[in-house]
Amino acid sequence: MGYHEPPINFRVYLNIPYTDRLEAIKLKCRWDTQREKWYCIDSNNGKNSVSRCIQLWNKPEPYKILYNKITPLSNIPNTKRGYTC
């Protein structure tokens, strides 16, 4: 059976410093109040700013939550991530 990502999970969680919050908002990142983490929406096949956000805030590694488990982006095949770099 191949890799399958739930269609509901379009969030890429990032470690965005407080000092960069205004730039994050410009790039359409959002704050998850439950997890108290910044995230960007991973949709439109890379037509949004998710690739830029990942380039700016990639330490520690961005991740998604799949099946209620934290999954680093490096563990998701490039063709299945939903964005383009």
PDB file of N, CA and C in Angstrom:
ATOM      1  N   MET A   1       0.849  -1.178   0.000  1.00  0.00           N
ATOM      2  CA  MET A   1       0.000   0.000   0.000  1.00  0.00           C
ATOM      3  C   MET A   1       0.893   1.238   0.000  1.00  0.00           C
ATOM      4  N   GLY A   2       0.565   2.233  -0.822  1.00  0.00           N
ATOM      5  CA  GLY A   2       1.366   3.441  -0.954  1.00  0.00           C
ATOM      6  C   GLY A   2       1.075   4.463   0.129  1.00  0.00           C
ATOM      7  N   TYR A   3       1.821   5.529   0.074  1.00  0.00           N
ATOM      8  CA  TYR A   3       1.677   6.631   1.016  1.00  0.00           C
ATOM      9  C   TYR A   3       0.338   7.326   0.788  1.00  0.00           C
ATOM     10  N   HIS A   4      -0.353   7.649   1.868  1.00  0.00           N
ATOM     11  CA  HIS A   4      -1.623   8.357   1.759  1.00  0.00           C
ATOM     12  C   HIS A   4      -1.690   9.409   2.850  1.00  0.00           C
ATOM     13  N   GLU A   5      -1.851  10.665   2.453  1.00  0.00           N
ATOM     14  CA  GLU A   5      -1.978  11.748   3.413  1.00  0.00           C
ATOM     15  C   GLU A   5      -3.440  12.144   3.521  1.00  0.00           C
ATOM     16  N   PRO A   6      -3.943  12.316   4.731  1.00  0.00           N
ATOM     17  CA  PRO A   6      -5.334  12.712   4.854  1.00  0.00           C
ATOM     18  C   PRO A   6      -5.560  14.058   4.165  1.00  0.00           C
ATOM     19  N   PRO A   7      -6.641  14.212   3.415  1.00  0.00           N
ATOM     20  CA  PRO A   7      -6.873  15.447   2.683  1.00  0.00           C
ATOM     21  C   PRO A   7      -7.100  16.649   3.581  1.00  0.00           C
ATOM     22  N   ILE A   8      -7.441  16.423   4.840  1.00  0.00           N
ATOM     23  CA  ILE A   8      -7.739  17.534   5.733  1.00  0.00           C
ATOM     24  C   ILE A   8      -6.472  18.255   6.217  1.00  0.00           C
ATOM     25  N   ASN A   9      -5.323  17.608   6.163  1.00  0.00           N
ATOM     26  CA  ASN A   9      -4.107  18.200   6.711  1.00  0.00           C
ATOM     27  C   ASN A   9      -3.352  18.978   5.650  1.00  0.00           C
ATOM     28  N   PHE A  10      -3.532  20.282   5.661  1.00  0.00           N
ATOM     29  CA  PHE A  10      -2.818  21.148   4.741  1.00  0.00           C
ATOM     30  C   PHE A  10      -1.843  22.048   5.484  1.00  0.00           C
ATOM     31  N   ARG A  11      -1.652  21.821   6.753  1.00  0.00           N
ATOM     32  CA  ARG A  11      -0.809  22.706   7.560  1.00  0.00           C
ATOM     33  C   ARG A  11       0.630  22.205   7.622  1.00  0.00           C
ATOM     34  N   VAL A  12       1.553  23.126   7.416  1.00  0.00           N
ATOM     35  CA  VAL A  12       2.975  22.857   7.643  1.00  0.00           C
ATOM     36  C   VAL A  12       3.352  23.731   8.839  1.00  0.00           C
ATOM     37  N   TYR A  13       3.725  23.085   9.930  1.00  0.00           N
ATOM     38  CA  TYR A  13       4.071  23.806  11.150  1.00  0.00           C
ATOM     39  C   TYR A  13       5.526  24.236  11.101  1.00  0.00           C
ATOM     40  N   LEU A  14       5.772  25.461  11.559  1.00  0.00           N
ATOM     41  CA  LEU A  14       7.094  26.073  11.481  1.00  0.00           C
ATOM     42  C   LEU A  14       7.474  26.678  12.825  1.00  0.00           C
ATOM     43  N   ASN A  15       8.760  26.799  13.066  1.00  0.00           N
ATOM     44  CA  ASN A  15       9.260  27.510  14.241  1.00  0.00           C
ATOM     45  C   ASN A  15       9.595  28.924  13.817  1.00  0.00           C
ATOM     46  N   ILE A  16       8.658  29.818  13.968  1.00  0.00           N
ATOM     47  CA  ILE A  16       8.838  31.214  13.564  1.00  0.00           C
ATOM     48  C   ILE A  16       9.081  32.030  14.820  1.00  0.00           C
ATOM     49  N   PRO A  17      10.229  32.710  14.904  1.00  0.00           N
ATOM     50  CA  PRO A  17      10.501  33.538  16.084  1.00  0.00           C
ATOM     51  C   PRO A  17       9.499  34.689  16.190  1.00  0.00           C
ATOM     52  N   TYR A  18       9.269  35.124  17.404  1.00  0.00           N
ATOM     53  CA  TYR A  18       8.343  36.232  17.653  1.00  0.00           C
ATOM     54  C   TYR A  18       8.737  37.458  16.841  1.00  0.00           C
ATOM     55  N   THR A  19      10.026  37.697  16.710  1.00  0.00           N
ATOM     56  CA  THR A  19      10.495  38.878  15.983  1.00  0.00           C
ATOM     57  C   THR A  19      10.160  38.824  14.491  1.00  0.00           C
ATOM     58  N   ASP A  20       9.891  37.650  13.968  1.00  0.00           N
ATOM     59  CA  ASP A  20       9.560  37.492  12.540  1.00  0.00           C
ATOM     60  C   ASP A  20       8.058  37.396  12.291  1.00  0.00           C
ATOM     61  N   ARG A  21       7.260  37.627  13.307  1.00  0.00           N
ATOM     62  CA  ARG A  21       5.823  37.410  13.176  1.00  0.00           C
ATOM     63  C   ARG A  21       5.182  38.269  12.091  1.00  0.00           C
ATOM     64  N   LEU A  22       5.635  39.513  11.916  1.00  0.00           N
ATOM     65  CA  LEU A  22       5.032  40.377  10.908  1.00  0.00           C
ATOM     66  C   LEU A  22       5.325  39.869   9.497  1.00  0.00           C
ATOM     67  N   GLU A  23       6.541  39.398   9.282  1.00  0.00           N
ATOM     68  CA  GLU A  23       6.869  38.815   7.985  1.00  0.00           C
ATOM     69  C   GLU A  23       6.064  37.539   7.754  1.00  0.00           C
ATOM     70  N   ALA A  24       5.884  36.756   8.801  1.00  0.00           N
ATOM     71  CA  ALA A  24       5.088  35.532   8.684  1.00  0.00           C
ATOM     72  C   ALA A  24       3.652  35.865   8.289  1.00  0.00           C
ATOM     73  N   ILE A  25       3.107  36.903   8.866  1.00  0.00           N
ATOM     74  CA  ILE A  25       1.741  37.301   8.531  1.00  0.00           C
ATOM     75  C   ILE A  25       1.668  37.761   7.078  1.00  0.00           C
ATOM     76  N   LYS A  26       2.679  38.488   6.615  1.00  0.00           N
ATOM     77  CA  LYS A  26       2.722  38.917   5.209  1.00  0.00           C
ATOM     78  C   LYS A  26       2.730  37.717   4.265  1.00  0.00           C
ATOM     79  N   LEU A  27       3.389  36.640   4.689  1.00  0.00           N
ATOM     80  CA  LEU A  27       3.453  35.430   3.874  1.00  0.00           C
ATOM     81  C   LEU A  27       2.249  34.513   4.110  1.00  0.00           C
ATOM     82  N   LYS A  28       1.248  35.045   4.802  1.00  0.00           N
ATOM     83  CA  LYS A  28      -0.028  34.348   5.050  1.00  0.00           C
ATOM     84  C   LYS A  28       0.090  33.156   5.994  1.00  0.00           C
ATOM     85  N   CYS A  29       1.076  33.199   6.884  1.00  0.00           N
ATOM     86  CA  CYS A  29       1.147  32.191   7.939  1.00  0.00           C
ATOM     87  C   CYS A  29       0.080  32.519   8.983  1.00  0.00           C
ATOM     88  N   ARG A  30      -0.318  31.512   9.715  1.00  0.00           N
ATOM     89  CA  ARG A  30      -1.353  31.683  10.731  1.00  0.00           C
ATOM     90  C   ARG A  30      -0.896  31.074  12.049  1.00  0.00           C
ATOM     91  N   TRP A  31      -1.522  31.499  13.118  1.00  0.00           N
ATOM     92  CA  TRP A  31      -1.210  31.016  14.462  1.00  0.00           C
ATOM     93  C   TRP A  31      -2.252  29.978  14.874  1.00  0.00           C
ATOM     94  N   ASP A  32      -1.795  28.804  15.275  1.00  0.00           N
ATOM     95  CA  ASP A  32      -2.674  27.754  15.778  1.00  0.00           C
ATOM     96  C   ASP A  32      -2.757  27.930  17.289  1.00  0.00           C
ATOM     97  N   THR A  33      -3.898  28.382  17.774  1.00  0.00           N
ATOM     98  CA  THR A  33      -4.037  28.674  19.202  1.00  0.00           C
ATOM     99  C   THR A  33      -4.009  27.415  20.063  1.00  0.00           C
ATOM    100  N   GLN A  34      -4.475  26.292  19.531  1.00  0.00           N
ATOM    101  CA  GLN A  34      -4.449  25.047  20.308  1.00  0.00           C
ATOM    102  C   GLN A  34      -3.027  24.544  20.504  1.00  0.00           C
ATOM    103  N   ARG A  35      -2.237  24.549  19.445  1.00  0.00           N
ATOM    104  CA  ARG A  35      -0.865  24.023  19.520  1.00  0.00           C
ATOM    105  C   ARG A  35       0.163  25.101  19.846  1.00  0.00           C
ATOM    106  N   GLU A  36      -0.275  26.364  19.787  1.00  0.00           N
ATOM    107  CA  GLU A  36       0.606  27.507  20.013  1.00  0.00           C
ATOM    108  C   GLU A  36       1.829  27.445  19.101  1.00  0.00           C
ATOM    109  N   LYS A  37       1.552  27.242  17.818  1.00  0.00           N
ATOM    110  CA  LYS A  37       2.591  27.150  16.787  1.00  0.00           C
ATOM    111  C   LYS A  37       2.118  27.899  15.554  1.00  0.00           C
ATOM    112  N   TRP A  38       3.084  28.405  14.799  1.00  0.00           N
ATOM    113  CA  TRP A  38       2.802  29.006  13.507  1.00  0.00           C
ATOM    114  C   TRP A  38       2.705  27.908  12.458  1.00  0.00           C
ATOM    115  N   TYR A  39       1.868  28.133  11.464  1.00  0.00           N
ATOM    116  CA  TYR A  39       1.772  27.202  10.351  1.00  0.00           C
ATOM    117  C   TYR A  39       1.457  27.972   9.079  1.00  0.00           C
ATOM    118  N   CYS A  40       1.735  27.347   7.960  1.00  0.00           N
ATOM    119  CA  CYS A  40       1.313  27.892   6.675  1.00  0.00           C
ATOM    120  C   CYS A  40       0.478  26.827   5.978  1.00  0.00           C
ATOM    121  N   ILE A  41      -0.388  27.296   5.117  1.00  0.00           N
ATOM    122  CA  ILE A  41      -1.298  26.391   4.414  1.00  0.00           C
ATOM    123  C   ILE A  41      -0.589  25.835   3.186  1.00  0.00           C
ATOM    124  N   ASP A  42      -0.557  24.539   3.097  1.00  0.00           N
ATOM    125  CA  ASP A  42       0.096  23.822   2.002  1.00  0.00           C
ATOM    126  C   ASP A  42      -0.971  23.420   0.995  1.00  0.00           C
ATOM    127  N   SER A  43      -1.209  24.298   0.024  1.00  0.00           N
ATOM    128  CA  SER A  43      -2.248  24.016  -0.963  1.00  0.00           C
ATOM    129  C   SER A  43      -1.901  24.687  -2.284  1.00  0.00           C
ATOM    130  N   ASN A  44      -2.742  24.532  -3.242  1.00  0.00           N
ATOM    131  CA  ASN A  44      -2.582  25.137  -4.569  1.00  0.00           C
ATOM    132  C   ASN A  44      -1.312  24.694  -5.266  1.00  0.00           C
ATOM    133  N   ASN A  45      -0.787  23.539  -4.918  1.00  0.00           N
ATOM    134  CA  ASN A  45       0.398  22.978  -5.583  1.00  0.00           C
ATOM    135  C   ASN A  45       1.557  23.959  -5.677  1.00  0.00           C
ATOM    136  N   GLY A  46       1.831  24.647  -4.586  1.00  0.00           N
ATOM    137  CA  GLY A  46       2.991  25.524  -4.539  1.00  0.00           C
ATOM    138  C   GLY A  46       2.742  26.936  -5.009  1.00  0.00           C
ATOM    139  N   LYS A  47       1.510  27.293  -5.308  1.00  0.00           N
ATOM    140  CA  LYS A  47       1.217  28.644  -5.772  1.00  0.00           C
ATOM    141  C   LYS A  47       1.127  29.636  -4.620  1.00  0.00           C
ATOM    142  N   ASN A  48       1.193  29.147  -3.402  1.00  0.00           N
ATOM    143  CA  ASN A  48       1.173  30.054  -2.267  1.00  0.00           C
ATOM    144  C   ASN A  48       2.595  30.221  -1.730  1.00  0.00           C
ATOM    145  N   SER A  49       2.747  30.737  -0.544  1.00  0.00           N
ATOM    146  CA  SER A  49       4.062  31.084  -0.003  1.00  0.00           C
ATOM    147  C   SER A  49       4.681  29.998   0.863  1.00  0.00           C
ATOM    148  N   VAL A  50       4.141  28.794   0.852  1.00  0.00           N
ATOM    149  CA  VAL A  50       4.646  27.750   1.746  1.00  0.00           C
ATOM    150  C   VAL A  50       6.122  27.444   1.478  1.00  0.00           C
ATOM    151  N   SER A  51       6.540  27.421   0.234  1.00  0.00           N
ATOM    152  CA  SER A  51       7.945  27.122  -0.074  1.00  0.00           C
ATOM    153  C   SER A  51       8.866  28.184   0.503  1.00  0.00           C
ATOM    154  N   ARG A  52       8.477  29.439   0.380  1.00  0.00           N
ATOM    155  CA  ARG A  52       9.284  30.539   0.935  1.00  0.00           C
ATOM    156  C   ARG A  52       9.341  30.436   2.459  1.00  0.00           C
ATOM    157  N   CYS A  53       8.232  30.131   3.089  1.00  0.00           N
ATOM    158  CA  CYS A  53       8.201  29.994   4.550  1.00  0.00           C
ATOM    159  C   CYS A  53       9.144  28.895   5.016  1.00  0.00           C
ATOM    160  N   ILE A  54       9.151  27.783   4.297  1.00  0.00           N
ATOM    161  CA  ILE A  54      10.020  26.674   4.668  1.00  0.00           C
ATOM    162  C   ILE A  54      11.488  27.069   4.503  1.00  0.00           C
ATOM    163  N   GLN A  55      11.800  27.846   3.481  1.00  0.00           N
ATOM    164  CA  GLN A  55      13.181  28.305   3.298  1.00  0.00           C
ATOM    165  C   GLN A  55      13.604  29.224   4.441  1.00  0.00           C
ATOM    166  N   LEU A  56      12.714  30.090   4.885  1.00  0.00           N
ATOM    167  CA  LEU A  56      13.045  31.046   5.941  1.00  0.00           C
ATOM    168  C   LEU A  56      13.118  30.417   7.323  1.00  0.00           C
ATOM    169  N   TRP A  57      12.192  29.525   7.611  1.00  0.00           N
ATOM    170  CA  TRP A  57      12.073  28.983   8.974  1.00  0.00           C
ATOM    171  C   TRP A  57      12.150  27.465   8.942  1.00  0.00           C
ATOM    172  N   ASN A  58      13.327  26.941   8.645  1.00  0.00           N
ATOM    173  CA  ASN A  58      13.475  25.489   8.512  1.00  0.00           C
ATOM    174  C   ASN A  58      14.246  24.851   9.661  1.00  0.00           C
ATOM    175  N   LYS A  59      14.504  25.577  10.736  1.00  0.00           N
ATOM    176  CA  LYS A  59      15.206  25.017  11.886  1.00  0.00           C
ATOM    177  C   LYS A  59      14.375  25.225  13.138  1.00  0.00           C
ATOM    178  N   PRO A  60      14.053  24.233  13.923  1.00  0.00           N
ATOM    179  CA  PRO A  60      14.123  22.840  13.535  1.00  0.00           C
ATOM    180  C   PRO A  60      13.193  22.559  12.367  1.00  0.00           C
ATOM    181  N   GLU A  61      13.278  21.365  11.874  1.00  0.00           N
ATOM    182  CA  GLU A  61      12.598  20.988  10.635  1.00  0.00           C
ATOM    183  C   GLU A  61      11.081  21.185  10.696  1.00  0.00           C
ATOM    184  N   PRO A  62      10.500  21.770   9.629  1.00  0.00           N
ATOM    185  CA  PRO A  62       9.046  21.873   9.556  1.00  0.00           C
ATOM    186  C   PRO A  62       8.409  20.476   9.553  1.00  0.00           C
ATOM    187  N   TYR A  63       7.165  20.419   9.967  1.00  0.00           N
ATOM    188  CA  TYR A  63       6.501  19.118  10.046  1.00  0.00           C
ATOM    189  C   TYR A  63       5.019  19.254   9.745  1.00  0.00           C
ATOM    190  N   LYS A  64       4.397  18.132   9.502  1.00  0.00           N
ATOM    191  CA  LYS A  64       2.951  18.034   9.384  1.00  0.00           C
ATOM    192  C   LYS A  64       2.465  17.070  10.454  1.00  0.00           C
ATOM    193  N   ILE A  65       1.191  17.118  10.729  1.00  0.00           N
ATOM    194  CA  ILE A  65       0.589  16.170  11.653  1.00  0.00           C
ATOM    195  C   ILE A  65      -0.284  15.235  10.833  1.00  0.00           C
ATOM    196  N   LEU A  66       0.154  13.989  10.734  1.00  0.00           N
ATOM    197  CA  LEU A  66      -0.546  12.983   9.947  1.00  0.00           C
ATOM    198  C   LEU A  66      -1.009  11.876  10.863  1.00  0.00           C
ATOM    199  N   TYR A  67      -2.276  11.591  10.815  1.00  0.00           N
ATOM    200  CA  TYR A  67      -2.858  10.550  11.666  1.00  0.00           C
ATOM    201  C   TYR A  67      -2.500  10.786  13.140  1.00  0.00           C
ATOM    202  N   ASN A  68      -2.573  12.052  13.549  1.00  0.00           N
ATOM    203  CA  ASN A  68      -2.287  12.474  14.928  1.00  0.00           C
ATOM    204  C   ASN A  68      -0.850  12.228  15.355  1.00  0.00           C
ATOM    205  N   LYS A  69       0.067  12.110  14.406  1.00  0.00           N
ATOM    206  CA  LYS A  69       1.482  11.948  14.717  1.00  0.00           C
ATOM    207  C   LYS A  69       2.268  13.045  14.007  1.00  0.00           C
ATOM    208  N   ILE A  70       3.276  13.577  14.682  1.00  0.00           N
ATOM    209  CA  ILE A  70       4.149  14.577  14.068  1.00  0.00           C
ATOM    210  C   ILE A  70       5.045  13.871  13.058  1.00  0.00           C
ATOM    211  N   THR A  71       5.028  14.358  11.820  1.00  0.00           N
ATOM    212  CA  THR A  71       5.819  13.767  10.746  1.00  0.00           C
ATOM    213  C   THR A  71       6.692  14.842  10.122  1.00  0.00           C
ATOM    214  N   PRO A  72       8.024  14.781  10.308  1.00  0.00           N
ATOM    215  CA  PRO A  72       8.909  15.767   9.669  1.00  0.00           C
ATOM    216  C   PRO A  72       8.760  15.707   8.150  1.00  0.00           C
ATOM    217  N   LEU A  73       8.913  16.851   7.500  1.00  0.00           N
ATOM    218  CA  LEU A  73       8.773  16.891   6.047  1.00  0.00           C
ATOM    219  C   LEU A  73       9.759  15.975   5.344  1.00  0.00           C
ATOM    220  N   SER A  74      10.928  15.751   5.939  1.00  0.00           N
ATOM    221  CA  SER A  74      11.914  14.878   5.295  1.00  0.00           C
ATOM    222  C   SER A  74      11.435  13.427   5.224  1.00  0.00           C
ATOM    223  N   ASN A  75      10.447  13.065   6.032  1.00  0.00           N
ATOM    224  CA  ASN A  75       9.903  11.706   6.003  1.00  0.00           C
ATOM    225  C   ASN A  75       8.753  11.554   5.008  1.00  0.00           C
ATOM    226  N   ILE A  76       8.384  12.645   4.354  1.00  0.00           N
ATOM    227  CA  ILE A  76       7.304  12.616   3.375  1.00  0.00           C
ATOM    228  C   ILE A  76       7.951  12.728   1.995  1.00  0.00           C
ATOM    229  N   PRO A  77       7.655  11.822   1.080  1.00  0.00           N
ATOM    230  CA  PRO A  77       8.254  11.891  -0.255  1.00  0.00           C
ATOM    231  C   PRO A  77       7.981  13.237  -0.932  1.00  0.00           C
ATOM    232  N   ASN A  78       8.957  13.773  -1.651  1.00  0.00           N
ATOM    233  CA  ASN A  78       8.814  15.069  -2.309  1.00  0.00           C
ATOM    234  C   ASN A  78       7.549  15.159  -3.152  1.00  0.00           C
ATOM    235  N   THR A  79       7.203  14.090  -3.806  1.00  0.00           N
ATOM    236  CA  THR A  79       6.039  14.119  -4.684  1.00  0.00           C
ATOM    237  C   THR A  79       4.730  14.127  -3.920  1.00  0.00           C
ATOM    238  N   LYS A  80       4.782  13.873  -2.616  1.00  0.00           N
ATOM    239  CA  LYS A  80       3.568  13.816  -1.810  1.00  0.00           C
ATOM    240  C   LYS A  80       3.420  14.997  -0.840  1.00  0.00           C
ATOM    241  N   ARG A  81       4.358  15.946  -0.878  1.00  0.00           N
ATOM    242  CA  ARG A  81       4.311  17.047   0.084  1.00  0.00           C
ATOM    243  C   ARG A  81       3.255  18.076  -0.233  1.00  0.00           C
ATOM    244  N   GLY A  82       2.916  18.246  -1.496  1.00  0.00           N
ATOM    245  CA  GLY A  82       1.862  19.188  -1.857  1.00  0.00           C
ATOM    246  C   GLY A  82       2.362  20.577  -2.197  1.00  0.00           C
ATOM    247  N   TYR A  83       3.642  20.826  -2.108  1.00  0.00           N
ATOM    248  CA  TYR A  83       4.180  22.133  -2.479  1.00  0.00           C
ATOM    249  C   TYR A  83       5.394  21.921  -3.360  1.00  0.00           C
ATOM    250  N   THR A  84       5.832  22.976  -3.969  1.00  0.00           N
ATOM    251  CA  THR A  84       7.014  22.885  -4.819  1.00  0.00           C
ATOM    252  C   THR A  84       8.095  23.808  -4.281  1.00  0.00           C
ATOM    253  N   CYS A  85       9.316  23.366  -4.295  1.00  0.00           N
ATOM    254  CA  CYS A  85      10.448  24.201  -3.855  1.00  0.00           C
ATOM    255  C   CYS A  85      11.255  24.642  -5.057  1.00  0.00           C
TER     256      CYS A  85
END
